[in-house]
Amino acid sequence: MTYEYERVATPASGLRLHLNENTAGCSPRVIEALRGLTREQAAFYPDYGAPVAAAARWLHVAPEEVLLTNGLDEGILAVSMAALRNSPVENPFEAVVIVPAFDMYAACTDAAGGRVVEVPLGKDFEFPLPAVIGAVGERTRLIFLTNPNNPTGQPIPRDAIERIAAAAPGALVLVDEAYAEFAGETLIAADTFRRLPNVVVGRTFAKAYGLAGLRVGALVAAPETLAPFRRVIPPYTLNACVVLALPAALEDRRYVETYLEQVRQSKAMLYAAFDRLGIKHWPSGANFVLACFGPRCREVTGGLAARQIYVRDRSADAGCAGCVRITAGITEHTRALIAAIEEVLCGAA
């Protein structure tokens, strides 16, 4: 079986609530920094000292414990290539993926020549710790964990992650913390990657910081763990715009906190609306909410699209039949979304 990333439409106009983007945009300081780009900076290969130092300060790690990547996607690919290289064709190395999951995990495993071993979440998306540990075998080289999960928004207990890492000392455990800012928890603060050197923490500056269009993420791990990834990633993978933009984004703490509060309020508004409308949903630690519209799923997504509001149908994901993932961003957008959902469900023209 082969895997490929599902490329979805990215409409230029309308309300984009289908890709978990920052719906407020980046900090104004980022735009100011980009306006300062000189002709020489555009012409020369960039120096990464400033953005690495800024990211290390923000994440409270040493510079040698962080590796910046062209979006976290490149980090996922680099970890997959390093963990699964030289995989025998007749008996491939394995990567464990807890499904539903971000489809880059399976796509990168396949690209690196590995075999995907899927472990489904529980009936109500509870984390299946015994099944994950049971899936680890002598061919396991990589385990993907998303905390909180995408698309469910459900957290993984830290103890469960540490138990998995201890049970698989011969495998890398990539903990994708793309939504850590919204969850308010991270393995970095818990010092886990230093105590368990097979743990790699993935972070992105696309969600809370609004830099998805500039493509910048990070891998955080012990220096010796990062070493194989540094050999995989090209030497000039980030462009000159990122070098200017990332420090500016991280310096504007007030802007980030304001956006996080907007997300918290938007999630509360969605929970209340879904409770009122009788729509099953799950509390989320991320910047999105998964809701189950059942047999009316396509009607809802189609009706919203007709109103230029775009959400993500996750019905094809394991255990997600009839489910829609909706970005929770600024409250103004959330109010418009809720009004549109009510129109669609009530059959209004």
Protein backbone atom coordinates (compact mmCIF):
# COMPACT_ATOMS: atom_id res chain seq x y z
CA MET A 1 0.00 0.00 0.00
CA THR A 2 1.24 3.46 -0.86
CA TYR A 3 0.43 6.69 0.98
CA GLU A 4 0.22 10.26 -0.21
CA TYR A 5 -0.56 13.57 1.48
CA GLU A 6 -4.11 14.70 0.78
CA ARG A 7 -3.87 18.08 -0.92
CA VAL A 8 -6.97 20.15 -0.20
CA ALA A 9 -8.30 23.29 -1.83
CA THR A 10 -6.85 26.59 -0.62
CA PRO A 11 -9.38 29.21 -1.78
CA ALA A 12 -8.02 32.74 -2.05
CA SER A 13 -11.17 34.28 -0.58
CA GLY A 14 -13.80 33.29 1.95
CA LEU A 15 -13.41 32.01 5.50
CA ARG A 16 -10.70 29.34 5.67
CA LEU A 17 -11.49 27.17 8.68
CA HIS A 18 -10.27 23.89 7.21
CA LEU A 19 -6.46 23.95 7.59
CA ASN A 20 -5.98 24.97 11.26
CA GLU A 21 -4.34 28.22 10.17
CA ASN A 22 -4.04 31.36 12.27
CA THR A 23 -7.15 33.20 11.12
CA ALA A 24 -5.91 36.55 12.45
CA GLY A 25 -2.68 36.53 10.44
CA CYS A 26 0.83 37.06 11.75
CA SER A 27 2.03 39.77 14.12
CA PRO A 28 2.41 43.22 12.51
CA ARG A 29 6.04 43.09 13.66
CA VAL A 30 6.62 40.29 11.16
CA ILE A 31 5.51 42.48 8.27
CA GLU A 32 7.70 45.31 9.53
CA ALA A 33 10.68 42.95 9.65
CA LEU A 34 10.01 41.68 6.13
CA ARG A 35 9.89 45.23 4.79
CA GLY A 36 13.46 45.59 6.02
CA LEU A 37 14.78 42.86 3.71
CA THR A 38 17.72 44.30 1.78
CA ARG A 39 18.89 43.48 -1.72
CA GLU A 40 22.01 41.90 -0.25
CA GLN A 41 20.01 39.70 2.15
CA ALA A 42 17.96 38.45 -0.79
CA ALA A 43 21.13 37.72 -2.75
CA PHE A 44 23.17 35.99 -0.03
CA TYR A 45 22.70 32.61 1.59
CA PRO A 46 21.17 33.29 5.03
CA ASP A 47 22.85 32.91 8.40
CA TYR A 48 20.60 31.06 10.87
CA GLY A 49 22.19 32.25 14.11
CA ALA A 50 19.49 34.80 15.00
CA PRO A 51 16.39 32.61 14.37
CA VAL A 52 17.95 29.58 16.08
CA ALA A 53 18.82 31.68 19.12
CA ALA A 54 15.33 33.20 19.18
CA ALA A 55 13.67 29.78 18.94
CA ALA A 56 15.94 28.34 21.63
CA ARG A 57 15.10 31.20 24.01
CA TRP A 58 11.40 30.84 23.35
CA LEU A 59 11.45 27.07 23.85
CA HIS A 60 13.82 27.28 26.85
CA VAL A 61 16.39 24.93 25.34
CA ALA A 62 20.01 25.25 24.28
CA PRO A 63 20.65 26.24 20.64
CA GLU A 64 22.27 22.86 19.99
CA GLU A 65 19.02 21.18 21.08
CA VAL A 66 16.93 22.79 18.35
CA LEU A 67 16.94 22.22 14.59
CA LEU A 68 14.87 24.60 12.47
CA THR A 69 13.08 23.06 9.48
CA ASN A 70 11.12 24.21 6.46
CA GLY A 71 7.81 23.72 8.22
CA LEU A 72 7.39 20.82 10.61
CA ASP A 73 6.61 18.75 7.50
CA GLU A 74 10.30 18.76 6.60
CA GLY A 75 11.10 17.73 10.17
CA ILE A 76 8.74 14.76 9.89
CA LEU A 77 10.38 13.76 6.61
CA ALA A 78 13.89 14.13 8.07
CA VAL A 79 13.07 11.96 11.09
CA SER A 80 11.49 9.36 8.80
CA MET A 81 14.52 9.29 6.49
CA ALA A 82 16.96 9.01 9.39
CA ALA A 83 15.00 6.32 11.23
CA LEU A 84 14.03 4.20 8.24
CA ARG A 85 17.08 4.51 5.98
CA ASN A 86 18.47 1.24 4.61
CA SER A 87 15.12 -0.45 5.21
CA PRO A 88 15.12 -3.86 3.45
CA VAL A 89 12.59 -4.05 0.62
CA GLU A 90 11.57 -7.61 1.49
CA ASN A 91 11.14 -6.94 5.23
CA PRO A 92 10.83 -3.18 5.80
CA PHE A 93 11.42 -1.34 9.03
CA GLU A 94 8.19 -0.20 10.66
CA ALA A 95 6.68 3.07 11.85
CA VAL A 96 3.75 2.98 14.27
CA VAL A 97 1.01 5.53 13.53
CA ILE A 98 -1.97 6.04 15.84
CA VAL A 99 -4.99 6.73 13.62
CA PRO A 100 -6.69 8.99 12.83
CA ALA A 101 -3.55 11.03 12.29
CA PHE A 102 -1.87 13.70 10.22
CA ASP A 103 -1.34 11.94 6.90
CA MET A 104 2.26 13.17 6.53
CA TYR A 105 3.33 10.44 8.97
CA ALA A 106 2.28 7.62 6.68
CA ALA A 107 3.34 9.48 3.53
CA CYS A 108 6.86 10.10 4.88
CA THR A 109 7.18 6.53 6.16
CA ASP A 110 6.26 5.24 2.72
CA ALA A 111 8.66 7.67 1.03
CA ALA A 112 11.49 6.48 3.26
CA GLY A 113 10.82 2.82 2.41
CA GLY A 114 9.24 1.84 5.71
CA ARG A 115 6.02 0.01 6.50
CA VAL A 116 3.15 1.73 8.30
CA VAL A 117 1.65 -0.07 11.31
CA GLU A 118 -1.66 1.54 12.21
CA VAL A 119 -3.08 1.48 15.74
CA PRO A 120 -6.61 2.93 16.05
CA LEU A 121 -7.70 5.21 18.86
CA GLY A 122 -10.35 3.90 21.24
CA LYS A 123 -14.11 4.04 20.68
CA ASP A 124 -14.39 7.62 21.89
CA PHE A 125 -10.87 8.58 20.76
CA GLU A 126 -9.22 7.56 24.04
CA PHE A 127 -5.50 6.88 23.71
CA PRO A 128 -4.80 3.11 23.27
CA LEU A 129 -1.60 2.77 25.33
CA PRO A 130 -1.56 -1.08 25.62
CA ALA A 131 -2.19 -1.45 21.88
CA VAL A 132 0.60 0.98 21.00
CA ILE A 133 3.11 -0.81 23.20
CA GLY A 134 1.86 -4.12 21.80
CA ALA A 135 2.52 -2.90 18.26
CA VAL A 136 6.21 -2.30 18.98
CA GLY A 137 8.35 -5.11 17.59
CA GLU A 138 11.89 -5.85 16.49
CA ARG A 139 11.29 -4.02 13.17
CA THR A 140 9.95 -0.85 14.81
CA ARG A 141 12.18 2.15 14.15
CA LEU A 142 9.76 5.06 14.55
CA ILE A 143 6.61 5.91 16.52
CA PHE A 144 4.50 8.96 15.68
CA LEU A 145 2.50 10.60 18.46
CA THR A 146 0.48 13.81 18.09
CA ASN A 147 -0.22 15.69 21.29
CA PRO A 148 -2.93 16.91 21.15
CA ASN A 149 -4.17 14.66 18.38
CA ASN A 150 -5.19 15.90 14.94
CA PRO A 151 -8.09 15.71 14.07
CA THR A 152 -9.63 14.85 17.47
CA GLY A 153 -7.91 17.45 19.67
CA GLN A 154 -7.49 14.85 22.42
CA PRO A 155 -4.35 14.91 24.63
CA ILE A 156 -1.95 12.06 25.35
CA PRO A 157 -0.97 11.71 29.02
CA ARG A 158 2.73 12.45 29.51
CA ASP A 159 3.14 9.21 31.41
CA ALA A 160 1.86 7.29 28.38
CA ILE A 161 4.41 8.94 26.09
CA GLU A 162 7.25 8.17 28.49
CA ARG A 163 6.13 4.55 28.84
CA ILE A 164 6.09 4.13 25.06
CA ALA A 165 9.57 5.64 24.73
CA ALA A 166 10.88 3.33 27.47
CA ALA A 167 9.25 0.30 25.80
CA ALA A 168 10.86 1.09 22.44
CA PRO A 169 14.50 2.03 23.15
CA GLY A 170 15.51 1.05 19.61
CA ALA A 171 13.00 3.40 17.99
CA LEU A 172 12.63 7.15 17.70
CA VAL A 173 9.46 8.59 19.21
CA LEU A 174 8.43 11.76 17.37
CA VAL A 175 5.96 13.73 19.49
CA ASP A 176 4.29 16.25 17.21
CA GLU A 177 3.38 19.25 19.38
CA ALA A 178 2.04 21.43 16.57
CA TYR A 179 -0.74 22.64 18.88
CA ALA A 180 1.20 22.87 22.15
CA GLU A 181 0.62 26.61 22.56
CA PHE A 182 -3.14 26.05 22.62
CA ALA A 183 -2.89 23.04 24.93
CA GLY A 184 -0.56 24.79 27.35
CA GLU A 185 1.56 21.67 27.84
CA THR A 186 4.81 20.46 26.32
CA LEU A 187 7.34 17.69 26.85
CA ILE A 188 10.03 20.32 26.55
CA ALA A 189 9.08 21.83 29.89
CA ALA A 190 9.01 18.34 31.41
CA ASP A 191 12.62 17.72 30.29
CA THR A 192 11.49 14.43 28.73
CA PHE A 193 13.74 14.58 25.68
CA ARG A 194 16.81 14.86 27.91
CA ARG A 195 15.83 11.91 30.12
CA LEU A 196 14.73 9.78 27.17
CA PRO A 197 17.10 10.46 24.24
CA ASN A 198 14.93 8.57 21.74
CA VAL A 199 12.23 11.25 22.12
CA VAL A 200 12.07 14.03 19.51
CA VAL A 201 9.64 16.92 19.96
CA GLY A 202 8.28 18.58 16.83
CA ARG A 203 7.03 22.16 16.92
CA THR A 204 5.67 24.55 14.32
CA PHE A 205 5.41 28.32 14.10
CA ALA A 206 2.53 28.05 11.62
CA LYS A 207 -0.40 27.85 14.03
CA ALA A 208 -0.12 30.18 17.03
CA TYR A 209 2.35 32.55 15.32
CA GLY A 210 0.71 32.79 11.90
CA LEU A 211 3.78 31.86 9.84
CA ALA A 212 2.28 28.98 7.82
CA GLY A 213 3.01 30.78 4.55
CA LEU A 214 6.67 31.28 5.46
CA ARG A 215 7.21 27.59 6.39
CA VAL A 216 9.17 27.21 9.62
CA GLY A 217 9.14 24.47 12.24
CA ALA A 218 11.56 22.92 14.69
CA LEU A 219 12.80 19.62 16.03
CA VAL A 220 13.89 19.60 19.67
CA ALA A 221 15.99 16.73 21.00
CA ALA A 222 19.31 15.86 22.57
CA PRO A 223 22.18 17.01 20.31
CA GLU A 224 23.26 13.44 19.54
CA THR A 225 19.68 12.58 18.58
CA LEU A 226 19.47 15.56 16.22
CA ALA A 227 22.76 14.73 14.50
CA PRO A 228 21.32 12.27 11.91
CA PHE A 229 18.57 14.77 11.02
CA ARG A 230 21.10 17.53 10.41
CA ARG A 231 22.73 15.26 7.81
CA VAL A 232 19.40 14.77 6.04
CA ILE A 233 18.17 18.39 5.92
CA PRO A 234 19.74 20.66 3.25
CA PRO A 235 22.11 23.35 4.57
CA TYR A 236 20.00 26.33 3.44
CA THR A 237 16.49 25.00 3.91
CA LEU A 238 15.05 28.25 5.34
CA ASN A 239 14.89 31.39 3.24
CA ALA A 240 15.97 34.92 4.13
CA CYS A 241 12.41 35.99 4.93
CA VAL A 242 12.16 33.42 7.72
CA VAL A 243 15.44 34.65 9.21
CA LEU A 244 13.84 38.06 9.67
CA ALA A 245 10.32 36.94 10.47
CA LEU A 246 10.78 34.30 13.16
CA PRO A 247 12.58 36.48 15.76
CA ALA A 248 10.01 39.23 15.17
CA ALA A 249 7.11 36.83 15.68
CA LEU A 250 8.57 35.39 18.88
CA GLU A 251 9.29 38.81 20.34
CA ASP A 252 5.64 39.84 20.13
CA ARG A 253 4.39 37.83 23.10
CA ARG A 254 1.35 40.05 23.63
CA TYR A 255 0.12 39.35 20.10
CA VAL A 256 0.43 35.59 20.60
CA GLU A 257 -1.36 35.70 23.97
CA THR A 258 -4.16 37.76 22.46
CA TYR A 259 -4.66 35.21 19.71
CA LEU A 260 -4.59 32.29 22.15
CA GLU A 261 -7.36 33.98 24.14
CA GLN A 262 -9.40 34.41 20.95
CA VAL A 263 -9.04 30.69 20.28
CA ARG A 264 -10.14 29.83 23.82
CA GLN A 265 -13.24 32.00 23.44
CA SER A 266 -14.01 30.57 20.00
CA LYS A 267 -13.83 27.00 21.28
CA ALA A 268 -16.21 27.86 24.12
CA MET A 269 -18.61 29.40 21.59
CA LEU A 270 -18.46 26.27 19.43
CA TYR A 271 -19.05 23.96 22.39
CA ALA A 272 -22.08 25.99 23.45
CA ALA A 273 -23.50 26.08 19.92
CA PHE A 274 -23.04 22.35 19.39
CA ASP A 275 -24.63 21.60 22.78
CA ARG A 276 -27.61 23.77 21.80
CA LEU A 277 -27.93 22.09 18.40
CA GLY A 278 -27.45 18.56 19.75
CA ILE A 279 -24.25 17.94 17.77
CA LYS A 280 -21.73 15.56 19.30
CA HIS A 281 -18.29 17.10 19.71
CA TRP A 282 -15.10 16.61 21.67
CA PRO A 283 -13.28 19.09 23.92
CA SER A 284 -10.09 20.07 22.16
CA GLY A 285 -6.61 21.03 23.32
CA ALA A 286 -5.84 22.47 19.87
CA ASN A 287 -7.09 25.37 17.74
CA PHE A 288 -9.89 23.33 16.22
CA VAL A 289 -12.93 21.33 17.25
CA LEU A 290 -14.09 18.00 15.82
CA ALA A 291 -17.88 17.71 15.54
CA CYS A 292 -20.02 14.85 14.29
CA PHE A 293 -22.88 15.81 11.96
CA GLY A 294 -23.57 12.18 11.04
CA PRO A 295 -25.55 11.68 7.83
CA ARG A 296 -25.82 15.47 7.38
CA CYS A 297 -22.06 15.88 7.15
CA ARG A 298 -21.90 16.52 3.40
CA GLU A 299 -24.94 18.77 3.58
CA VAL A 300 -23.20 20.87 6.20
CA THR A 301 -19.82 21.09 4.45
CA GLY A 302 -21.47 21.78 1.12
CA GLY A 303 -23.81 24.38 2.58
CA LEU A 304 -20.94 26.16 4.29
CA ALA A 305 -18.82 26.08 1.13
CA ALA A 306 -21.71 27.67 -0.78
CA ARG A 307 -21.45 30.50 1.75
CA GLN A 308 -17.67 30.64 1.24
CA ILE A 309 -16.93 29.09 4.64
CA TYR A 310 -14.57 26.14 4.39
CA VAL A 311 -14.27 23.36 6.97
CA ARG A 312 -12.60 19.92 6.75
CA ASP A 313 -14.64 16.76 6.24
CA ARG A 314 -12.75 14.04 8.15
CA SER A 315 -15.24 11.24 7.41
CA ALA A 316 -12.57 9.16 5.65
CA ASP A 317 -10.39 9.04 8.78
CA ALA A 318 -10.50 6.02 11.07
CA GLY A 319 -13.42 6.30 13.49
CA CYS A 320 -14.48 9.72 12.16
CA ALA A 321 -17.51 8.91 9.98
CA GLY A 322 -19.69 12.00 9.69
CA CYS A 323 -17.14 14.21 11.44
CA VAL A 324 -16.02 17.71 10.50
CA ARG A 325 -12.93 19.51 11.83
CA ILE A 326 -13.40 23.24 12.30
CA THR A 327 -10.68 25.79 13.01
CA ALA A 328 -11.32 27.93 16.09
CA GLY A 329 -9.72 31.30 15.47
CA ILE A 330 -10.88 34.83 16.07
CA THR A 331 -14.36 35.14 17.54
CA GLU A 332 -15.75 37.23 14.69
CA HIS A 333 -15.17 34.32 12.32
CA THR A 334 -16.63 31.84 14.77
CA ARG A 335 -19.85 33.84 15.09
CA ALA A 336 -20.21 33.87 11.29
CA LEU A 337 -19.58 30.13 11.16
CA ILE A 338 -22.15 29.31 13.84
CA ALA A 339 -24.78 31.44 12.13
CA ALA A 340 -24.09 29.65 8.84
CA ILE A 341 -24.30 26.19 10.45
CA GLU A 342 -27.65 27.09 11.97
CA GLU A 343 -28.88 28.25 8.55
CA VAL A 344 -27.79 25.01 6.89
CA LEU A 345 -29.22 22.73 9.57
CA CYS A 346 -32.50 24.64 9.60
CA GLY A 347 -32.76 24.48 5.81
CA ALA A 348 -32.64 28.23 5.29
CA ALA A 349 -31.94 29.49 1.80
